[in-house]
Amino acid sequence: MLTEQELAVDPVVAAKLLLGCVMEVDGPEGPIGVRLVEVEAYRGGDDPASHCYRGRTPRNDVMFGPPGFLYVYFVYGMHYCANIVCLTDGVPGAVLLRAGEVVTGVESARLRRRAARSDVELAKGPAKLTTVLGLSRENNGVHLLDPASPVRLFAGDPVPPEQIHAGPRVGVATAMDRPWRFWVDDSPAVSTYRRGGRRRTRP
């Protein structure tokens, strides 16, 4: 598993570190694991697209650390998004999980995402990823680095730097051109880019 020290870094650095890592949850039929192939970095007070831009609230409290915890929020009144907290305790920052490849429990993932036309599309997008993993606000604040946790984060095979691409974040209304979205170049599970412009909630 990763360590708190490895995640106690700038979200931009943590985002690239998290590519290739595996998020795993316990399900009724066994574990479901998703290899992360697309993520976005969000800071705090200097990032107007962040939930923490205007300070600490009960909603964003988890984002203030310590690192290695899960921050889950409900967006558009429709679905959940999941983030991995980074930086040091008391300093807000997180990495949004945008897309992944199901590597464990594919059959269970298919049952959770019956609308997916192929296995590649099971976790191709932040809401699809949380649906496959069954994440909700009940998982907010879960310690991902605890082996006994119902949601766990494992280090994967490092992604070669030449396979990591960067571009603008998706769907945010401010700071939209910061190239803080990172993805694995050869993965078909990377989501479709849609430029922001109207106000949309992000971590």
C-alpha atoms as a PDB file:
ATOM      1  CA  MET A   1       0.000   0.000   0.000  1.00  0.00           C
ATOM      2  CA  LEU A   2       1.011   3.616  -0.394  1.00  0.00           C
ATOM      3  CA  THR A   3       2.063   5.588   2.676  1.00  0.00           C
ATOM      4  CA  GLU A   4       0.906   8.917   4.082  1.00  0.00           C
ATOM      5  CA  GLN A   5       4.379  10.294   3.401  1.00  0.00           C
ATOM      6  CA  GLU A   6       4.064   9.494  -0.300  1.00  0.00           C
ATOM      7  CA  LEU A   7       0.734  11.312  -0.487  1.00  0.00           C
ATOM      8  CA  ALA A   8       1.792  14.301   1.649  1.00  0.00           C
ATOM      9  CA  VAL A   9       2.812  16.190  -1.482  1.00  0.00           C
ATOM     10  CA  ASP A  10       1.373  18.774  -3.854  1.00  0.00           C
ATOM     11  CA  PRO A  11      -1.788  17.423  -5.532  1.00  0.00           C
ATOM     12  CA  VAL A  12      -0.177  17.833  -8.957  1.00  0.00           C
ATOM     13  CA  VAL A  13       2.630  15.504  -7.882  1.00  0.00           C
ATOM     14  CA  ALA A  14       0.245  13.119  -6.125  1.00  0.00           C
ATOM     15  CA  ALA A  15      -1.993  12.925  -9.199  1.00  0.00           C
ATOM     16  CA  LYS A  16       0.785  11.479 -11.348  1.00  0.00           C
ATOM     17  CA  LEU A  17       1.791   9.116  -8.542  1.00  0.00           C
ATOM     18  CA  LEU A  18      -1.767   7.764  -8.329  1.00  0.00           C
ATOM     19  CA  LEU A  19      -1.945   6.767 -11.992  1.00  0.00           C
ATOM     20  CA  GLY A  20      -1.630   2.999 -12.130  1.00  0.00           C
ATOM     21  CA  CYS A  21      -2.643   2.550  -8.490  1.00  0.00           C
ATOM     22  CA  VAL A  22      -5.608   0.318  -7.645  1.00  0.00           C
ATOM     23  CA  MET A  23      -8.650   1.304  -5.598  1.00  0.00           C
ATOM     24  CA  GLU A  24     -10.334  -1.746  -4.099  1.00  0.00           C
ATOM     25  CA  VAL A  25     -13.636  -2.185  -2.256  1.00  0.00           C
ATOM     26  CA  ASP A  26     -15.330  -5.160  -0.640  1.00  0.00           C
ATOM     27  CA  GLY A  27     -18.506  -6.312  -2.360  1.00  0.00           C
ATOM     28  CA  PRO A  28     -21.094  -9.025  -1.685  1.00  0.00           C
ATOM     29  CA  GLU A  29     -19.469 -11.260  -4.303  1.00  0.00           C
ATOM     30  CA  GLY A  30     -15.900 -10.341  -3.413  1.00  0.00           C
ATOM     31  CA  PRO A  31     -13.572  -7.392  -3.983  1.00  0.00           C
ATOM     32  CA  ILE A  32     -13.833  -5.011  -6.921  1.00  0.00           C
ATOM     33  CA  GLY A  33     -10.623  -3.304  -7.962  1.00  0.00           C
ATOM     34  CA  VAL A  34     -10.140  -0.390 -10.366  1.00  0.00           C
ATOM     35  CA  ARG A  35      -6.782   0.684 -11.790  1.00  0.00           C
ATOM     36  CA  LEU A  36      -6.681   4.481 -11.961  1.00  0.00           C
ATOM     37  CA  VAL A  37      -5.986   5.837 -15.444  1.00  0.00           C
ATOM     38  CA  GLU A  38      -7.277   9.431 -15.224  1.00  0.00           C
ATOM     39  CA  VAL A  39      -7.160  11.916 -12.344  1.00  0.00           C
ATOM     40  CA  GLU A  40      -7.348  15.660 -11.642  1.00  0.00           C
ATOM     41  CA  ALA A  41      -5.457  17.712  -9.073  1.00  0.00           C
ATOM     42  CA  TYR A  42      -7.114  20.332  -6.853  1.00  0.00           C
ATOM     43  CA  ARG A  43      -5.413  22.571  -4.302  1.00  0.00           C
ATOM     44  CA  GLY A  44      -6.968  24.815  -1.643  1.00  0.00           C
ATOM     45  CA  GLY A  45      -6.782  28.581  -1.164  1.00  0.00           C
ATOM     46  CA  ASP A  46      -4.936  29.249  -4.424  1.00  0.00           C
ATOM     47  CA  ASP A  47      -7.248  27.147  -6.599  1.00  0.00           C
ATOM     48  CA  PRO A  48     -10.627  28.811  -7.332  1.00  0.00           C
ATOM     49  CA  ALA A  49     -11.976  25.513  -8.716  1.00  0.00           C
ATOM     50  CA  SER A  50     -11.416  23.774  -5.378  1.00  0.00           C
ATOM     51  CA  HIS A  51     -14.062  23.098  -2.738  1.00  0.00           C
ATOM     52  CA  CYS A  52     -11.599  24.573  -0.206  1.00  0.00           C
ATOM     53  CA  TYR A  53     -11.010  27.872  -1.993  1.00  0.00           C
ATOM     54  CA  ARG A  54     -13.130  29.813   0.517  1.00  0.00           C
ATOM     55  CA  GLY A  55     -12.003  27.942   3.604  1.00  0.00           C
ATOM     56  CA  ARG A  56     -12.906  25.032   5.802  1.00  0.00           C
ATOM     57  CA  THR A  57     -16.516  23.863   6.140  1.00  0.00           C
ATOM     58  CA  PRO A  58     -18.208  20.717   7.476  1.00  0.00           C
ATOM     59  CA  ARG A  59     -18.568  19.531   3.885  1.00  0.00           C
ATOM     60  CA  ASN A  60     -14.903  19.861   2.857  1.00  0.00           C
ATOM     61  CA  ASP A  61     -13.328  19.089   6.233  1.00  0.00           C
ATOM     62  CA  VAL A  62     -11.799  15.793   5.047  1.00  0.00           C
ATOM     63  CA  MET A  63      -9.836  17.636   2.346  1.00  0.00           C
ATOM     64  CA  PHE A  64      -7.763  19.318   5.055  1.00  0.00           C
ATOM     65  CA  GLY A  65      -6.021  16.062   5.853  1.00  0.00           C
ATOM     66  CA  PRO A  66      -4.316  14.025   6.940  1.00  0.00           C
ATOM     67  CA  PRO A  67      -3.425  12.487   3.573  1.00  0.00           C
ATOM     68  CA  GLY A  68      -4.625   9.070   2.493  1.00  0.00           C
ATOM     69  CA  PHE A  69      -8.315   9.565   3.278  1.00  0.00           C
ATOM     70  CA  LEU A  70     -11.274   9.468   0.904  1.00  0.00           C
ATOM     71  CA  TYR A  71     -13.296  12.615   0.187  1.00  0.00           C
ATOM     72  CA  VAL A  72     -16.678  11.876  -1.396  1.00  0.00           C
ATOM     73  CA  TYR A  73     -19.247  14.463  -2.426  1.00  0.00           C
ATOM     74  CA  PHE A  74     -22.614  14.507  -4.202  1.00  0.00           C
ATOM     75  CA  VAL A  75     -22.764  16.599  -7.363  1.00  0.00           C
ATOM     76  CA  TYR A  76     -25.595  17.974  -9.546  1.00  0.00           C
ATOM     77  CA  GLY A  77     -28.061  16.139  -7.299  1.00  0.00           C
ATOM     78  CA  MET A  78     -27.300  13.032  -9.354  1.00  0.00           C
ATOM     79  CA  HIS A  79     -24.073  11.208  -8.534  1.00  0.00           C
ATOM     80  CA  TYR A  80     -20.983  10.936  -6.354  1.00  0.00           C
ATOM     81  CA  CYS A  81     -17.372  11.857  -7.010  1.00  0.00           C
ATOM     82  CA  ALA A  82     -14.406  10.444  -5.091  1.00  0.00           C
ATOM     83  CA  ASN A  83     -11.098  12.077  -4.232  1.00  0.00           C
ATOM     84  CA  ILE A  84      -7.906  11.026  -2.483  1.00  0.00           C
ATOM     85  CA  VAL A  85      -6.687  13.571   0.059  1.00  0.00           C
ATOM     86  CA  CYS A  86      -3.031  14.594  -0.152  1.00  0.00           C
ATOM     87  CA  LEU A  87      -0.708  17.319   1.216  1.00  0.00           C
ATOM     88  CA  THR A  88       0.033  17.603   4.936  1.00  0.00           C
ATOM     89  CA  ASP A  89      -2.495  17.640   7.762  1.00  0.00           C
ATOM     90  CA  GLY A  90      -4.239  21.027   7.872  1.00  0.00           C
ATOM     91  CA  VAL A  91      -3.347  21.982   4.289  1.00  0.00           C
ATOM     92  CA  PRO A  92      -6.177  21.252   1.824  1.00  0.00           C
ATOM     93  CA  GLY A  93      -5.623  19.316  -1.358  1.00  0.00           C
ATOM     94  CA  ALA A  94      -7.036  16.296  -3.146  1.00  0.00           C
ATOM     95  CA  VAL A  95      -6.982  14.339  -6.376  1.00  0.00           C
ATOM     96  CA  LEU A  96     -10.277  13.628  -8.146  1.00  0.00           C
ATOM     97  CA  LEU A  97     -10.589  10.099  -9.543  1.00  0.00           C
ATOM     98  CA  ARG A  98     -11.861  10.499 -13.103  1.00  0.00           C
ATOM     99  CA  ALA A  99     -11.570   7.059 -14.717  1.00  0.00           C
ATOM    100  CA  GLY A 100     -10.216   3.577 -14.283  1.00  0.00           C
ATOM    101  CA  GLU A 101      -9.980   0.048 -15.625  1.00  0.00           C
ATOM    102  CA  VAL A 102     -11.721  -2.719 -13.682  1.00  0.00           C
ATOM    103  CA  VAL A 103      -9.046  -5.302 -12.873  1.00  0.00           C
ATOM    104  CA  THR A 104     -10.802  -7.330 -10.155  1.00  0.00           C
ATOM    105  CA  GLY A 105     -14.435  -8.371  -9.830  1.00  0.00           C
ATOM    106  CA  VAL A 106     -15.434  -7.617 -13.414  1.00  0.00           C
ATOM    107  CA  GLU A 107     -18.660  -9.616 -13.160  1.00  0.00           C
ATOM    108  CA  SER A 108     -19.761  -7.678 -10.078  1.00  0.00           C
ATOM    109  CA  ALA A 109     -18.832  -4.412 -11.787  1.00  0.00           C
ATOM    110  CA  ARG A 110     -21.018  -5.336 -14.761  1.00  0.00           C
ATOM    111  CA  LEU A 111     -23.981  -5.836 -12.447  1.00  0.00           C
ATOM    112  CA  ARG A 112     -23.458  -2.361 -10.994  1.00  0.00           C
ATOM    113  CA  ARG A 113     -23.064  -0.741 -14.404  1.00  0.00           C
ATOM    114  CA  ARG A 114     -25.540  -2.590 -16.618  1.00  0.00           C
ATOM    115  CA  ALA A 115     -25.666   0.365 -19.013  1.00  0.00           C
ATOM    116  CA  ALA A 116     -21.991  -0.049 -19.948  1.00  0.00           C
ATOM    117  CA  ARG A 117     -21.655  -1.273 -23.518  1.00  0.00           C
ATOM    118  CA  SER A 118     -18.248  -2.841 -22.838  1.00  0.00           C
ATOM    119  CA  ASP A 119     -15.880  -3.487 -19.949  1.00  0.00           C
ATOM    120  CA  VAL A 120     -13.808  -0.485 -21.032  1.00  0.00           C
ATOM    121  CA  GLU A 121     -16.760   1.781 -20.202  1.00  0.00           C
ATOM    122  CA  LEU A 122     -17.449   0.368 -16.732  1.00  0.00           C
ATOM    123  CA  ALA A 123     -15.460   3.089 -14.900  1.00  0.00           C
ATOM    124  CA  LYS A 124     -14.951   5.574 -17.749  1.00  0.00           C
ATOM    125  CA  GLY A 125     -15.825   8.768 -15.894  1.00  0.00           C
ATOM    126  CA  PRO A 126     -15.929   9.929 -12.252  1.00  0.00           C
ATOM    127  CA  ALA A 127     -19.584   9.009 -11.618  1.00  0.00           C
ATOM    128  CA  LYS A 128     -19.199   5.639 -13.339  1.00  0.00           C
ATOM    129  CA  LEU A 129     -16.117   4.897 -11.265  1.00  0.00           C
ATOM    130  CA  THR A 130     -17.906   5.571  -7.980  1.00  0.00           C
ATOM    131  CA  THR A 131     -20.898   3.524  -9.138  1.00  0.00           C
ATOM    132  CA  VAL A 132     -18.707   0.523  -9.936  1.00  0.00           C
ATOM    133  CA  LEU A 133     -17.015   0.795  -6.542  1.00  0.00           C
ATOM    134  CA  GLY A 134     -20.284   1.499  -4.744  1.00  0.00           C
ATOM    135  CA  LEU A 135     -18.967   4.681  -3.136  1.00  0.00           C
ATOM    136  CA  SER A 136     -21.252   7.246  -1.488  1.00  0.00           C
ATOM    137  CA  ARG A 137     -21.149   9.864   1.264  1.00  0.00           C
ATOM    138  CA  GLU A 138     -21.097   6.978   3.741  1.00  0.00           C
ATOM    139  CA  ASN A 139     -17.517   6.385   2.596  1.00  0.00           C
ATOM    140  CA  ASN A 140     -16.464   9.990   3.142  1.00  0.00           C
ATOM    141  CA  GLY A 141     -13.496  10.034   5.532  1.00  0.00           C
ATOM    142  CA  VAL A 142     -12.543   6.378   5.044  1.00  0.00           C
ATOM    143  CA  HIS A 143      -8.836   5.684   5.605  1.00  0.00           C
ATOM    144  CA  LEU A 144      -7.593   4.235   2.328  1.00  0.00           C
ATOM    145  CA  LEU A 145      -4.206   3.157   3.695  1.00  0.00           C
ATOM    146  CA  ASP A 146      -5.595   0.921   6.435  1.00  0.00           C
ATOM    147  CA  PRO A 147      -5.534  -2.749   5.319  1.00  0.00           C
ATOM    148  CA  ALA A 148      -8.729  -3.325   7.337  1.00  0.00           C
ATOM    149  CA  SER A 149     -10.607  -0.490   5.603  1.00  0.00           C
ATOM    150  CA  PRO A 150     -13.609  -1.338   3.380  1.00  0.00           C
ATOM    151  CA  VAL A 151     -12.000   0.880   0.701  1.00  0.00           C
ATOM    152  CA  ARG A 152      -8.284   0.470   0.088  1.00  0.00           C
ATOM    153  CA  LEU A 153      -5.615   2.054  -2.094  1.00  0.00           C
ATOM    154  CA  PHE A 154      -2.766  -0.075  -3.415  1.00  0.00           C
ATOM    155  CA  ALA A 155       0.348   0.957  -5.274  1.00  0.00           C
ATOM    156  CA  GLY A 156       0.383  -0.374  -8.818  1.00  0.00           C
ATOM    157  CA  ASP A 157       3.054  -0.718 -11.438  1.00  0.00           C
ATOM    158  CA  PRO A 158       4.486   2.787 -12.004  1.00  0.00           C
ATOM    159  CA  VAL A 159       3.323   4.392 -15.235  1.00  0.00           C
ATOM    160  CA  PRO A 160       6.324   5.468 -17.374  1.00  0.00           C
ATOM    161  CA  PRO A 161       6.542   9.287 -17.557  1.00  0.00           C
ATOM    162  CA  GLU A 162       6.294   9.208 -21.342  1.00  0.00           C
ATOM    163  CA  GLN A 163       2.859   7.556 -21.046  1.00  0.00           C
ATOM    164  CA  ILE A 164       1.467  10.263 -18.753  1.00  0.00           C
ATOM    165  CA  HIS A 165      -0.283  13.091 -20.566  1.00  0.00           C
ATOM    166  CA  ALA A 166      -1.581  16.331 -19.073  1.00  0.00           C
ATOM    167  CA  GLY A 167      -4.329  18.717 -20.070  1.00  0.00           C
ATOM    168  CA  PRO A 168      -6.980  21.135 -18.764  1.00  0.00           C
ATOM    169  CA  ARG A 169      -9.432  20.020 -16.121  1.00  0.00           C
ATOM    170  CA  VAL A 170     -12.935  18.967 -17.096  1.00  0.00           C
ATOM    171  CA  GLY A 171     -16.158  20.865 -16.499  1.00  0.00           C
ATOM    172  CA  VAL A 172     -14.933  23.556 -14.097  1.00  0.00           C
ATOM    173  CA  ALA A 173     -16.030  27.169 -14.524  1.00  0.00           C
ATOM    174  CA  THR A 174     -12.820  28.740 -13.174  1.00  0.00           C
ATOM    175  CA  ALA A 175      -9.109  27.946 -13.565  1.00  0.00           C
ATOM    176  CA  MET A 176     -10.219  25.627 -16.338  1.00  0.00           C
ATOM    177  CA  ASP A 177      -6.994  25.872 -18.349  1.00  0.00           C
ATOM    178  CA  ARG A 178      -4.649  24.669 -15.628  1.00  0.00           C
ATOM    179  CA  PRO A 179      -3.157  21.449 -17.035  1.00  0.00           C
ATOM    180  CA  TRP A 180      -3.874  19.479 -13.874  1.00  0.00           C
ATOM    181  CA  ARG A 181      -5.724  16.573 -15.451  1.00  0.00           C
ATOM    182  CA  PHE A 182      -3.465  13.580 -16.000  1.00  0.00           C
ATOM    183  CA  TRP A 183      -4.134  10.354 -17.832  1.00  0.00           C
ATOM    184  CA  VAL A 184      -2.465   7.191 -19.100  1.00  0.00           C
ATOM    185  CA  ASP A 185      -2.016   7.698 -22.818  1.00  0.00           C
ATOM    186  CA  ASP A 186      -2.732   4.168 -24.013  1.00  0.00           C
ATOM    187  CA  SER A 187      -5.796   3.448 -21.855  1.00  0.00           C
ATOM    188  CA  PRO A 188      -9.160   3.225 -23.657  1.00  0.00           C
ATOM    189  CA  ALA A 189     -10.896   3.857 -20.315  1.00  0.00           C
ATOM    190  CA  VAL A 190      -9.872   7.543 -20.209  1.00  0.00           C
ATOM    191  CA  SER A 191     -12.999   9.698 -20.302  1.00  0.00           C
ATOM    192  CA  THR A 192     -13.980  12.081 -23.092  1.00  0.00           C
ATOM    193  CA  TYR A 193     -12.742  15.634 -22.572  1.00  0.00           C
ATOM    194  CA  ARG A 194     -15.423  18.302 -22.204  1.00  0.00           C
ATOM    195  CA  ARG A 195     -14.375  21.873 -21.656  1.00  0.00           C
ATOM    196  CA  GLY A 196     -16.029  23.763 -18.801  1.00  0.00           C
ATOM    197  CA  GLY A 197     -17.552  27.194 -18.938  1.00  0.00           C
ATOM    198  CA  ARG A 198     -20.581  27.193 -16.698  1.00  0.00           C
ATOM    199  CA  ARG A 199     -20.327  26.862 -12.946  1.00  0.00           C
ATOM    200  CA  ARG A 200     -19.969  23.231 -11.948  1.00  0.00           C
ATOM    201  CA  THR A 201     -18.950  21.867  -8.581  1.00  0.00           C
ATOM    202  CA  ARG A 202     -15.512  20.306  -8.269  1.00  0.00           C
ATOM    203  CA  PRO A 203     -13.327  19.338  -5.276  1.00  0.00           C
END
